[in-house]
Amino acid sequence: MYKRQAALLTHPAVTQAVVTAHQGRLSAHIVTDTPTSTDDVRAHLTQRLPDHLVPTYLTALDRLPLTPNGKIDKRALPEPTALSRTGRAPRTPVEETLTALFARTLDLPDAPTIDDDFFVLGGHSLLAARLTNHIATALDVRLTVRDVFQHPTPARLAEHIAACRTAPAVKARPALRRRTETERMSS
């Protein structure tokens, strides 16, 4: 958690920060000395941390609650604010299926937009593997975890799936077989 807090504190407006876990996702509470949008702070973090370390929730406060000892009272922190989603709705059946699978895999209360990033929503490599299994079952397409990292939104993943389906099939290599003694001696 300290690496994330240190990255938050490198933002010029952030004076205090604490990162905790909330429902299995990273949550950051910050105090700023000048009015700053949480989107600006999130953009700052994405330049300094890998996607899976960027907190899913980012809540700005006037001050952090303290215990009588002067330490941050993590139990007194307010519930994190929900992510504001301002993306496009699904345009195709594949995008609609992918948004539903994102919501199922990430245990979201409602489906994300097609522009929402899997990792910003709280995904990580293990959940990406689970997502690829759900996609294989629902869409009969085999993807890798790397595909999810390279195409982290439902829109980009749908485009990748379309490209996979239209790509010419790769010829399978012939099966390996053991050479006979005569073949080995003649080569």
N, C-alpha and C. Protein backbone atom coordinates (compact mmCIF):
# COMPACT_ATOMS: atom_id res chain seq x y z
N MET A 1 0.82 -1.20 0.00
CA MET A 1 0.00 0.00 0.00
C MET A 1 0.87 1.26 0.00
N TYR A 2 2.07 1.16 0.56
CA TYR A 2 2.92 2.36 0.69
C TYR A 2 3.37 2.89 -0.66
N LYS A 3 3.62 1.99 -1.62
CA LYS A 3 4.04 2.42 -2.96
C LYS A 3 2.93 3.26 -3.61
N ARG A 4 1.69 2.83 -3.43
CA ARG A 4 0.55 3.56 -4.00
C ARG A 4 0.38 4.92 -3.31
N GLN A 5 0.52 4.91 -1.99
CA GLN A 5 0.41 6.18 -1.25
C GLN A 5 1.52 7.13 -1.66
N ALA A 6 2.73 6.62 -1.83
CA ALA A 6 3.85 7.47 -2.25
C ALA A 6 3.59 8.04 -3.63
N ALA A 7 3.03 7.24 -4.53
CA ALA A 7 2.71 7.73 -5.88
C ALA A 7 1.64 8.82 -5.81
N LEU A 8 0.65 8.64 -4.93
CA LEU A 8 -0.38 9.68 -4.76
C LEU A 8 0.23 10.98 -4.28
N LEU A 9 1.17 10.88 -3.35
CA LEU A 9 1.77 12.08 -2.77
C LEU A 9 2.71 12.81 -3.73
N THR A 10 3.05 12.19 -4.87
CA THR A 10 3.86 12.90 -5.86
C THR A 10 3.02 13.87 -6.68
N HIS A 11 1.70 13.76 -6.59
CA HIS A 11 0.83 14.73 -7.28
C HIS A 11 0.97 16.07 -6.55
N PRO A 12 1.16 17.17 -7.28
CA PRO A 12 1.41 18.46 -6.62
C PRO A 12 0.31 18.95 -5.69
N ALA A 13 -0.94 18.54 -5.91
CA ALA A 13 -2.03 19.04 -5.07
C ALA A 13 -2.34 18.13 -3.88
N VAL A 14 -1.88 16.89 -3.91
CA VAL A 14 -2.22 15.93 -2.84
C VAL A 14 -1.27 16.13 -1.66
N THR A 15 -1.87 16.38 -0.49
CA THR A 15 -1.07 16.58 0.72
C THR A 15 -1.09 15.37 1.65
N GLN A 16 -2.17 14.61 1.62
CA GLN A 16 -2.29 13.40 2.44
C GLN A 16 -2.99 12.33 1.61
N ALA A 17 -2.62 11.07 1.86
CA ALA A 17 -3.25 9.97 1.14
C ALA A 17 -3.18 8.70 1.97
N VAL A 18 -4.20 7.88 1.82
CA VAL A 18 -4.22 6.55 2.42
C VAL A 18 -4.89 5.61 1.43
N VAL A 19 -4.31 4.44 1.29
CA VAL A 19 -4.86 3.43 0.39
C VAL A 19 -5.26 2.22 1.22
N THR A 20 -6.48 1.76 1.02
CA THR A 20 -7.00 0.59 1.72
C THR A 20 -7.66 -0.34 0.70
N ALA A 21 -8.15 -1.45 1.19
CA ALA A 21 -8.91 -2.36 0.34
C ALA A 21 -10.38 -2.20 0.69
N HIS A 22 -11.21 -2.15 -0.35
CA HIS A 22 -12.66 -2.04 -0.15
C HIS A 22 -13.31 -3.05 -1.09
N GLN A 23 -13.98 -4.04 -0.53
CA GLN A 23 -14.64 -5.09 -1.30
C GLN A 23 -13.69 -5.72 -2.32
N GLY A 24 -12.47 -5.97 -1.89
CA GLY A 24 -11.50 -6.63 -2.75
C GLY A 24 -10.83 -5.74 -3.78
N ARG A 25 -11.09 -4.44 -3.72
CA ARG A 25 -10.49 -3.51 -4.67
C ARG A 25 -9.75 -2.42 -3.91
N LEU A 26 -8.74 -1.85 -4.57
CA LEU A 26 -7.98 -0.78 -3.93
C LEU A 26 -8.81 0.49 -3.88
N SER A 27 -8.74 1.16 -2.75
CA SER A 27 -9.48 2.41 -2.53
C SER A 27 -8.53 3.44 -1.94
N ALA A 28 -8.49 4.62 -2.53
CA ALA A 28 -7.63 5.69 -2.03
C ALA A 28 -8.49 6.85 -1.55
N HIS A 29 -8.11 7.41 -0.41
CA HIS A 29 -8.72 8.63 0.13
C HIS A 29 -7.61 9.67 0.14
N ILE A 30 -7.90 10.85 -0.42
CA ILE A 30 -6.87 11.88 -0.52
C ILE A 30 -7.37 13.20 0.05
N VAL A 31 -6.40 14.01 0.46
CA VAL A 31 -6.66 15.40 0.87
C VAL A 31 -5.79 16.26 -0.03
N THR A 32 -6.39 17.30 -0.60
CA THR A 32 -5.63 18.19 -1.50
C THR A 32 -5.62 19.59 -0.93
N ASP A 33 -4.57 20.35 -1.30
CA ASP A 33 -4.51 21.74 -0.83
C ASP A 33 -5.13 22.71 -1.84
N THR A 34 -5.36 22.26 -3.05
CA THR A 34 -6.05 23.06 -4.07
C THR A 34 -7.12 22.18 -4.72
N PRO A 35 -8.18 22.79 -5.22
CA PRO A 35 -9.22 21.98 -5.87
C PRO A 35 -8.63 21.21 -7.07
N THR A 36 -8.75 19.91 -7.03
CA THR A 36 -8.22 19.05 -8.08
C THR A 36 -9.23 17.93 -8.33
N SER A 37 -9.44 17.60 -9.59
CA SER A 37 -10.39 16.52 -9.89
C SER A 37 -9.72 15.17 -9.63
N THR A 38 -10.54 14.20 -9.24
CA THR A 38 -10.01 12.86 -9.02
C THR A 38 -9.55 12.25 -10.35
N ASP A 39 -10.14 12.68 -11.46
CA ASP A 39 -9.68 12.19 -12.77
C ASP A 39 -8.25 12.64 -13.05
N ASP A 40 -7.90 13.86 -12.61
CA ASP A 40 -6.54 14.36 -12.78
C ASP A 40 -5.57 13.54 -11.94
N VAL A 41 -5.97 13.22 -10.71
CA VAL A 41 -5.11 12.42 -9.83
C VAL A 41 -4.97 11.01 -10.39
N ARG A 42 -6.06 10.43 -10.91
CA ARG A 42 -6.01 9.09 -11.51
C ARG A 42 -5.07 9.08 -12.72
N ALA A 43 -5.15 10.10 -13.56
CA ALA A 43 -4.26 10.19 -14.73
C ALA A 43 -2.80 10.27 -14.27
N HIS A 44 -2.57 11.01 -13.21
CA HIS A 44 -1.21 11.12 -12.65
C HIS A 44 -0.71 9.74 -12.20
N LEU A 45 -1.58 8.97 -11.55
CA LEU A 45 -1.20 7.64 -11.07
C LEU A 45 -0.93 6.67 -12.21
N THR A 46 -1.72 6.74 -13.27
CA THR A 46 -1.54 5.80 -14.38
C THR A 46 -0.20 6.01 -15.08
N GLN A 47 0.38 7.19 -14.92
CA GLN A 47 1.71 7.44 -15.50
C GLN A 47 2.82 6.89 -14.60
N ARG A 48 2.52 6.60 -13.34
CA ARG A 48 3.54 6.19 -12.39
C ARG A 48 3.43 4.75 -11.90
N LEU A 49 2.26 4.17 -12.05
CA LEU A 49 2.03 2.82 -11.53
C LEU A 49 1.48 1.91 -12.62
N PRO A 50 1.76 0.62 -12.52
CA PRO A 50 1.09 -0.32 -13.44
C PRO A 50 -0.42 -0.28 -13.20
N ASP A 51 -1.20 -0.62 -14.21
CA ASP A 51 -2.66 -0.54 -14.11
C ASP A 51 -3.23 -1.25 -12.90
N HIS A 52 -2.69 -2.41 -12.56
CA HIS A 52 -3.27 -3.17 -11.45
C HIS A 52 -2.99 -2.54 -10.08
N LEU A 53 -2.10 -1.56 -10.01
CA LEU A 53 -1.82 -0.89 -8.74
C LEU A 53 -2.57 0.43 -8.59
N VAL A 54 -3.22 0.88 -9.65
CA VAL A 54 -4.00 2.13 -9.58
C VAL A 54 -5.31 1.83 -8.84
N PRO A 55 -5.60 2.58 -7.77
CA PRO A 55 -6.83 2.31 -7.01
C PRO A 55 -8.09 2.41 -7.86
N THR A 56 -9.01 1.50 -7.62
CA THR A 56 -10.29 1.51 -8.33
C THR A 56 -11.13 2.70 -7.87
N TYR A 57 -11.12 2.96 -6.57
CA TYR A 57 -11.90 4.05 -5.99
C TYR A 57 -10.95 5.16 -5.57
N LEU A 58 -11.35 6.40 -5.81
CA LEU A 58 -10.54 7.55 -5.42
C LEU A 58 -11.49 8.59 -4.85
N THR A 59 -11.35 8.86 -3.55
CA THR A 59 -12.26 9.75 -2.85
C THR A 59 -11.49 10.92 -2.26
N ALA A 60 -11.94 12.13 -2.56
CA ALA A 60 -11.32 13.34 -2.00
C ALA A 60 -12.04 13.73 -0.71
N LEU A 61 -11.25 14.06 0.31
CA LEU A 61 -11.79 14.47 1.61
C LEU A 61 -11.20 15.81 2.03
N ASP A 62 -11.87 16.48 2.96
CA ASP A 62 -11.34 17.72 3.53
C ASP A 62 -10.17 17.42 4.47
N ARG A 63 -10.30 16.27 5.17
CA ARG A 63 -9.23 15.84 6.08
C ARG A 63 -9.40 14.35 6.31
N LEU A 64 -8.30 13.70 6.69
CA LEU A 64 -8.36 12.27 7.01
C LEU A 64 -8.72 12.12 8.48
N PRO A 65 -9.59 11.17 8.83
CA PRO A 65 -9.93 10.98 10.24
C PRO A 65 -8.74 10.40 11.00
N LEU A 66 -8.55 10.87 12.23
CA LEU A 66 -7.42 10.44 13.04
C LEU A 66 -7.89 9.75 14.32
N THR A 67 -7.07 8.83 14.80
CA THR A 67 -7.32 8.19 16.09
C THR A 67 -6.82 9.14 17.18
N PRO A 68 -7.10 8.86 18.45
CA PRO A 68 -6.57 9.69 19.52
C PRO A 68 -5.03 9.75 19.53
N ASN A 69 -4.38 8.74 18.96
CA ASN A 69 -2.91 8.72 18.89
C ASN A 69 -2.37 9.57 17.75
N GLY A 70 -3.26 10.07 16.89
CA GLY A 70 -2.82 10.88 15.75
C GLY A 70 -2.56 10.08 14.48
N LYS A 71 -2.88 8.79 14.50
CA LYS A 71 -2.73 7.97 13.30
C LYS A 71 -4.03 8.01 12.50
N ILE A 72 -3.94 7.66 11.22
CA ILE A 72 -5.13 7.65 10.38
C ILE A 72 -6.07 6.54 10.86
N ASP A 73 -7.33 6.91 11.08
CA ASP A 73 -8.35 5.96 11.53
C ASP A 73 -9.02 5.38 10.29
N LYS A 74 -8.51 4.26 9.82
CA LYS A 74 -9.02 3.65 8.59
C LYS A 74 -10.46 3.19 8.72
N ARG A 75 -10.87 2.83 9.92
CA ARG A 75 -12.26 2.39 10.12
C ARG A 75 -13.25 3.55 10.01
N ALA A 76 -12.77 4.78 10.22
CA ALA A 76 -13.65 5.95 10.15
C ALA A 76 -13.70 6.56 8.75
N LEU A 77 -12.95 6.00 7.81
CA LEU A 77 -12.99 6.52 6.44
C LEU A 77 -14.37 6.30 5.84
N PRO A 78 -14.89 7.26 5.09
CA PRO A 78 -16.21 7.06 4.47
C PRO A 78 -16.14 6.02 3.35
N GLU A 79 -17.30 5.48 3.00
CA GLU A 79 -17.38 4.55 1.87
C GLU A 79 -16.80 5.25 0.65
N PRO A 80 -16.03 4.53 -0.15
CA PRO A 80 -15.47 5.18 -1.35
C PRO A 80 -16.57 5.53 -2.34
N THR A 81 -16.31 6.59 -3.07
CA THR A 81 -17.28 7.00 -4.08
C THR A 81 -17.19 6.06 -5.27
N ALA A 82 -18.33 5.77 -5.85
CA ALA A 82 -18.38 4.88 -7.01
C ALA A 82 -17.71 5.54 -8.20
N LEU A 83 -17.23 4.72 -9.09
CA LEU A 83 -16.61 5.24 -10.30
C LEU A 83 -17.66 5.92 -11.16
N SER A 84 -17.29 7.05 -11.73
CA SER A 84 -18.20 7.69 -12.68
C SER A 84 -17.88 7.13 -14.05
N ARG A 85 -18.89 6.56 -14.66
CA ARG A 85 -18.69 5.96 -15.98
C ARG A 85 -19.38 6.81 -17.03
N THR A 86 -18.60 7.26 -17.96
CA THR A 86 -19.15 8.08 -19.04
C THR A 86 -18.66 7.52 -20.37
N GLY A 87 -19.09 6.35 -20.67
CA GLY A 87 -18.69 5.71 -21.90
C GLY A 87 -19.91 5.34 -22.73
N ARG A 88 -19.63 4.63 -23.80
CA ARG A 88 -20.68 4.25 -24.74
C ARG A 88 -21.35 2.94 -24.32
N ALA A 89 -22.60 2.82 -24.70
CA ALA A 89 -23.35 1.60 -24.46
C ALA A 89 -22.96 0.57 -25.52
N PRO A 90 -23.18 -0.71 -25.24
CA PRO A 90 -22.86 -1.74 -26.24
C PRO A 90 -23.60 -1.51 -27.56
N ARG A 91 -22.87 -1.76 -28.67
CA ARG A 91 -23.44 -1.56 -30.01
C ARG A 91 -23.69 -2.88 -30.72
N THR A 92 -23.07 -3.94 -30.25
CA THR A 92 -23.20 -5.24 -30.90
C THR A 92 -23.49 -6.30 -29.85
N PRO A 93 -23.98 -7.46 -30.27
CA PRO A 93 -24.20 -8.54 -29.30
C PRO A 93 -22.91 -8.97 -28.60
N VAL A 94 -21.78 -8.95 -29.30
CA VAL A 94 -20.51 -9.34 -28.67
C VAL A 94 -20.14 -8.33 -27.58
N GLU A 95 -20.27 -7.03 -27.87
CA GLU A 95 -19.98 -6.01 -26.85
C GLU A 95 -20.92 -6.14 -25.65
N GLU A 96 -22.17 -6.45 -25.92
CA GLU A 96 -23.14 -6.62 -24.84
C GLU A 96 -22.75 -7.82 -23.96
N THR A 97 -22.34 -8.90 -24.59
CA THR A 97 -21.90 -10.08 -23.85
C THR A 97 -20.64 -9.76 -23.04
N LEU A 98 -19.70 -9.05 -23.65
CA LEU A 98 -18.46 -8.72 -22.94
C LEU A 98 -18.70 -7.81 -21.74
N THR A 99 -19.58 -6.82 -21.86
CA THR A 99 -19.86 -5.97 -20.70
C THR A 99 -20.49 -6.78 -19.58
N ALA A 100 -21.37 -7.72 -19.94
CA ALA A 100 -21.97 -8.58 -18.91
C ALA A 100 -20.91 -9.47 -18.26
N LEU A 101 -19.97 -9.97 -19.06
CA LEU A 101 -18.90 -10.82 -18.51
C LEU A 101 -17.93 -10.01 -17.65
N PHE A 102 -17.67 -8.76 -18.02
CA PHE A 102 -16.85 -7.88 -17.17
C PHE A 102 -17.52 -7.74 -15.81
N ALA A 103 -18.83 -7.42 -15.83
CA ALA A 103 -19.58 -7.21 -14.58
C ALA A 103 -19.57 -8.49 -13.73
N ARG A 104 -19.76 -9.63 -14.37
CA ARG A 104 -19.78 -10.91 -13.65
C ARG A 104 -18.41 -11.21 -13.04
N THR A 105 -17.36 -11.05 -13.83
CA THR A 105 -16.02 -11.38 -13.37
C THR A 105 -15.56 -10.44 -12.26
N LEU A 106 -15.89 -9.16 -12.39
CA LEU A 106 -15.45 -8.16 -11.42
C LEU A 106 -16.44 -7.96 -10.28
N ASP A 107 -17.55 -8.70 -10.32
CA ASP A 107 -18.60 -8.59 -9.30
C ASP A 107 -19.10 -7.16 -9.18
N LEU A 108 -19.42 -6.56 -10.31
CA LEU A 108 -19.92 -5.19 -10.34
C LEU A 108 -21.44 -5.20 -10.24
N PRO A 109 -22.03 -4.19 -9.62
CA PRO A 109 -23.48 -4.17 -9.48
C PRO A 109 -24.20 -3.96 -10.82
N ASP A 110 -23.56 -3.28 -11.76
CA ASP A 110 -24.16 -3.09 -13.08
C ASP A 110 -23.07 -3.20 -14.15
N ALA A 111 -23.49 -3.40 -15.36
CA ALA A 111 -22.54 -3.61 -16.46
C ALA A 111 -21.79 -2.31 -16.76
N PRO A 112 -20.50 -2.42 -17.06
CA PRO A 112 -19.72 -1.23 -17.42
C PRO A 112 -20.06 -0.80 -18.84
N THR A 113 -19.50 0.33 -19.25
CA THR A 113 -19.66 0.76 -20.64
C THR A 113 -18.62 0.04 -21.48
N ILE A 114 -18.69 0.19 -22.78
CA ILE A 114 -17.72 -0.50 -23.63
C ILE A 114 -16.36 0.19 -23.60
N ASP A 115 -16.28 1.35 -22.97
CA ASP A 115 -15.02 2.10 -22.88
C ASP A 115 -14.34 1.96 -21.53
N ASP A 116 -14.96 1.22 -20.60
CA ASP A 116 -14.39 1.05 -19.26
C ASP A 116 -13.27 0.02 -19.30
N ASP A 117 -12.16 0.36 -18.66
CA ASP A 117 -10.97 -0.47 -18.62
C ASP A 117 -11.11 -1.53 -17.53
N PHE A 118 -10.88 -2.77 -17.89
CA PHE A 118 -10.98 -3.91 -16.96
C PHE A 118 -10.14 -3.68 -15.71
N PHE A 119 -8.95 -3.14 -15.87
CA PHE A 119 -8.03 -2.99 -14.75
C PHE A 119 -8.36 -1.77 -13.90
N VAL A 120 -8.90 -0.73 -14.48
CA VAL A 120 -9.36 0.43 -13.71
C VAL A 120 -10.56 0.03 -12.86
N LEU A 121 -11.37 -0.88 -13.36
CA LEU A 121 -12.54 -1.35 -12.62
C LEU A 121 -12.19 -2.31 -11.49
N GLY A 122 -10.91 -2.65 -11.36
CA GLY A 122 -10.49 -3.52 -10.27
C GLY A 122 -9.96 -4.87 -10.70
N GLY A 123 -9.82 -5.07 -11.99
CA GLY A 123 -9.30 -6.34 -12.49
C GLY A 123 -7.81 -6.50 -12.25
N HIS A 124 -7.36 -7.73 -12.26
CA HIS A 124 -5.93 -8.06 -12.16
C HIS A 124 -5.73 -9.35 -12.95
N SER A 125 -4.51 -9.84 -12.97
CA SER A 125 -4.19 -10.97 -13.85
C SER A 125 -5.02 -12.22 -13.55
N LEU A 126 -5.28 -12.52 -12.29
CA LEU A 126 -6.08 -13.70 -11.96
C LEU A 126 -7.51 -13.55 -12.45
N LEU A 127 -8.06 -12.35 -12.28
CA LEU A 127 -9.42 -12.12 -12.79
C LEU A 127 -9.44 -12.09 -14.31
N ALA A 128 -8.35 -11.64 -14.93
CA ALA A 128 -8.26 -11.66 -16.39
C ALA A 128 -8.31 -13.10 -16.89
N ALA A 129 -7.64 -14.00 -16.18
CA ALA A 129 -7.70 -15.42 -16.55
C ALA A 129 -9.13 -15.95 -16.42
N ARG A 130 -9.81 -15.56 -15.37
CA ARG A 130 -11.21 -15.96 -15.19
C ARG A 130 -12.07 -15.40 -16.31
N LEU A 131 -11.81 -14.15 -16.70
CA LEU A 131 -12.56 -13.53 -17.79
C LEU A 131 -12.36 -14.31 -19.10
N THR A 132 -11.13 -14.71 -19.39
CA THR A 132 -10.89 -15.47 -20.63
C THR A 132 -11.66 -16.79 -20.63
N ASN A 133 -11.80 -17.41 -19.46
CA ASN A 133 -12.60 -18.64 -19.37
C ASN A 133 -14.08 -18.36 -19.63
N HIS A 134 -14.59 -17.27 -19.07
CA HIS A 134 -15.99 -16.90 -19.31
C HIS A 134 -16.22 -16.60 -20.80
N ILE A 135 -15.26 -15.91 -21.42
CA ILE A 135 -15.38 -15.57 -22.84
C ILE A 135 -15.37 -16.85 -23.68
N ALA A 136 -14.50 -17.79 -23.34
CA ALA A 136 -14.43 -19.05 -24.08
C ALA A 136 -15.77 -19.79 -24.02
N THR A 137 -16.39 -19.79 -22.85
CA THR A 137 -17.67 -20.47 -22.68
C THR A 137 -18.79 -19.74 -23.43
N ALA A 138 -18.85 -18.41 -23.28
CA ALA A 138 -19.96 -17.64 -23.85
C ALA A 138 -19.83 -17.40 -25.35
N LEU A 139 -18.60 -17.15 -25.82
CA LEU A 139 -18.42 -16.76 -27.22
C LEU A 139 -17.65 -17.77 -28.06
N ASP A 140 -17.24 -18.87 -27.43
CA ASP A 140 -16.48 -19.91 -28.12
C ASP A 140 -15.23 -19.35 -28.80
N VAL A 141 -14.51 -18.51 -28.06
CA VAL A 141 -13.26 -17.91 -28.54
C VAL A 141 -12.21 -18.11 -27.46
N ARG A 142 -11.06 -18.61 -27.83
CA ARG A 142 -9.96 -18.80 -26.87
C ARG A 142 -9.07 -17.57 -26.89
N LEU A 143 -9.01 -16.86 -25.77
CA LEU A 143 -8.15 -15.70 -25.62
C LEU A 143 -7.13 -15.99 -24.52
N THR A 144 -6.08 -15.20 -24.49
CA THR A 144 -5.08 -15.32 -23.44
C THR A 144 -5.22 -14.14 -22.48
N VAL A 145 -4.57 -14.25 -21.34
CA VAL A 145 -4.54 -13.13 -20.40
C VAL A 145 -3.86 -11.93 -21.06
N ARG A 146 -2.86 -12.20 -21.87
CA ARG A 146 -2.17 -11.12 -22.59
C ARG A 146 -3.15 -10.35 -23.48
N ASP A 147 -4.10 -11.05 -24.11
CA ASP A 147 -5.10 -10.38 -24.94
C ASP A 147 -5.91 -9.38 -24.10
N VAL A 148 -6.24 -9.76 -22.88
CA VAL A 148 -7.01 -8.86 -22.01
C VAL A 148 -6.16 -7.64 -21.63
N PHE A 149 -4.87 -7.85 -21.36
CA PHE A 149 -3.99 -6.73 -21.04
C PHE A 149 -3.83 -5.79 -22.24
N GLN A 150 -3.76 -6.36 -23.43
CA GLN A 150 -3.57 -5.53 -24.63
C GLN A 150 -4.86 -4.88 -25.11
N HIS A 151 -5.99 -5.46 -24.77
CA HIS A 151 -7.31 -4.95 -25.20
C HIS A 151 -8.22 -4.90 -23.97
N PRO A 152 -7.99 -3.95 -23.04
CA PRO A 152 -8.66 -4.01 -21.73
C PRO A 152 -10.10 -3.51 -21.67
N THR A 153 -10.64 -2.99 -22.76
CA THR A 153 -12.03 -2.52 -22.73
C THR A 153 -12.90 -3.47 -23.54
N PRO A 154 -14.20 -3.54 -23.25
CA PRO A 154 -15.07 -4.39 -24.06
C PRO A 154 -15.03 -4.04 -25.55
N ALA A 155 -14.93 -2.75 -25.87
CA ALA A 155 -14.89 -2.34 -27.29
C ALA A 155 -13.65 -2.89 -27.98
N ARG A 156 -12.50 -2.72 -27.35
CA ARG A 156 -11.25 -3.20 -27.97
C ARG A 156 -11.19 -4.72 -27.99
N LEU A 157 -11.71 -5.36 -26.96
CA LEU A 157 -11.72 -6.82 -26.94
C LEU A 157 -12.66 -7.37 -28.02
N ALA A 158 -13.79 -6.71 -28.23
CA ALA A 158 -14.72 -7.13 -29.30
C ALA A 158 -14.05 -7.02 -30.67
N GLU A 159 -13.30 -5.94 -30.89
CA GLU A 159 -12.57 -5.78 -32.15
C GLU A 159 -11.54 -6.90 -32.32
N HIS A 160 -10.84 -7.23 -31.23
CA HIS A 160 -9.84 -8.28 -31.28
C HIS A 160 -10.50 -9.63 -31.58
N ILE A 161 -11.63 -9.89 -30.96
CA ILE A 161 -12.34 -11.16 -31.20
C ILE A 161 -12.78 -11.24 -32.66
N ALA A 162 -13.28 -10.12 -33.20
CA ALA A 162 -13.69 -10.10 -34.61
C ALA A 162 -12.50 -10.39 -35.52
N ALA A 163 -11.34 -9.82 -35.19
CA ALA A 163 -10.13 -10.06 -35.98
C ALA A 163 -9.70 -11.52 -35.88
N CYS A 164 -9.83 -12.12 -34.70
CA CYS A 164 -9.46 -13.53 -34.52
C CYS A 164 -10.36 -14.44 -35.34
N ARG A 165 -11.64 -14.09 -35.39
CA ARG A 165 -12.60 -14.93 -36.11
C ARG A 165 -12.42 -14.84 -37.62
N THR A 166 -11.93 -13.70 -38.13
CA THR A 166 -11.77 -13.54 -39.57
C THR A 166 -10.37 -13.89 -40.06
N ALA A 167 -9.44 -14.06 -39.14
CA ALA A 167 -8.07 -14.41 -39.53
C ALA A 167 -8.04 -15.82 -40.10
N PRO A 168 -7.21 -16.04 -41.12
CA PRO A 168 -7.12 -17.41 -41.66
C PRO A 168 -6.59 -18.37 -40.60
N ALA A 169 -7.11 -19.56 -40.62
CA ALA A 169 -6.70 -20.56 -39.63
C ALA A 169 -5.22 -20.90 -39.83
N VAL A 170 -4.52 -21.04 -38.74
CA VAL A 170 -3.11 -21.40 -38.79
C VAL A 170 -3.04 -22.92 -38.98
N LYS A 171 -2.24 -23.33 -39.94
CA LYS A 171 -2.09 -24.76 -40.19
C LYS A 171 -1.39 -25.41 -39.00
N ALA A 172 -1.92 -26.49 -38.57
CA ALA A 172 -1.31 -27.21 -37.46
C ALA A 172 -0.05 -27.92 -37.95
N ARG A 173 0.93 -27.96 -37.10
CA ARG A 173 2.15 -28.70 -37.42
C ARG A 173 1.87 -30.19 -37.30
N PRO A 174 2.57 -30.99 -38.09
CA PRO A 174 2.35 -32.43 -37.96
C PRO A 174 2.81 -32.90 -36.58
N ALA A 175 2.17 -33.92 -36.10
CA ALA A 175 2.49 -34.46 -34.78
C ALA A 175 3.91 -35.02 -34.79
N LEU A 176 4.59 -34.89 -33.67
CA LEU A 176 5.93 -35.46 -33.54
C LEU A 176 5.82 -36.97 -33.43
N ARG A 177 6.77 -37.64 -34.05
CA ARG A 177 6.79 -39.09 -33.93
C ARG A 177 8.23 -39.55 -33.76
N ARG A 178 8.37 -40.64 -33.14
CA ARG A 178 9.69 -41.21 -32.89
C ARG A 178 10.21 -41.85 -34.18
N ARG A 179 11.46 -41.54 -34.51
CA ARG A 179 12.06 -42.14 -35.70
C ARG A 179 12.48 -43.57 -35.40
N THR A 180 12.40 -44.39 -36.41
CA THR A 180 12.82 -45.78 -36.25
C THR A 180 14.34 -45.85 -36.28
N GLU A 181 14.87 -46.97 -35.86
CA GLU A 181 16.32 -47.17 -35.86
C GLU A 181 16.89 -47.02 -37.27
N THR A 182 16.20 -47.54 -38.26
CA THR A 182 16.67 -47.46 -39.65
C THR A 182 16.71 -46.01 -40.11
N GLU A 183 15.68 -45.19 -39.76
CA GLU A 183 15.65 -43.77 -40.16
C GLU A 183 16.77 -42.99 -39.50
N ARG A 184 17.07 -43.30 -38.26
CA ARG A 184 18.14 -42.60 -37.56
C ARG A 184 19.51 -42.92 -38.18
N MET A 185 19.70 -44.12 -38.56
CA MET A 185 21.00 -44.52 -39.13
C MET A 185 21.19 -43.98 -40.52
N SER A 186 20.10 -43.77 -41.27
CA SER A 186 20.24 -43.28 -42.63
C SER A 186 20.40 -41.76 -42.70
N SER A 187 20.17 -41.05 -41.60
CA SER A 187 20.33 -39.60 -41.66
C SER A 187 21.65 -39.09 -41.23
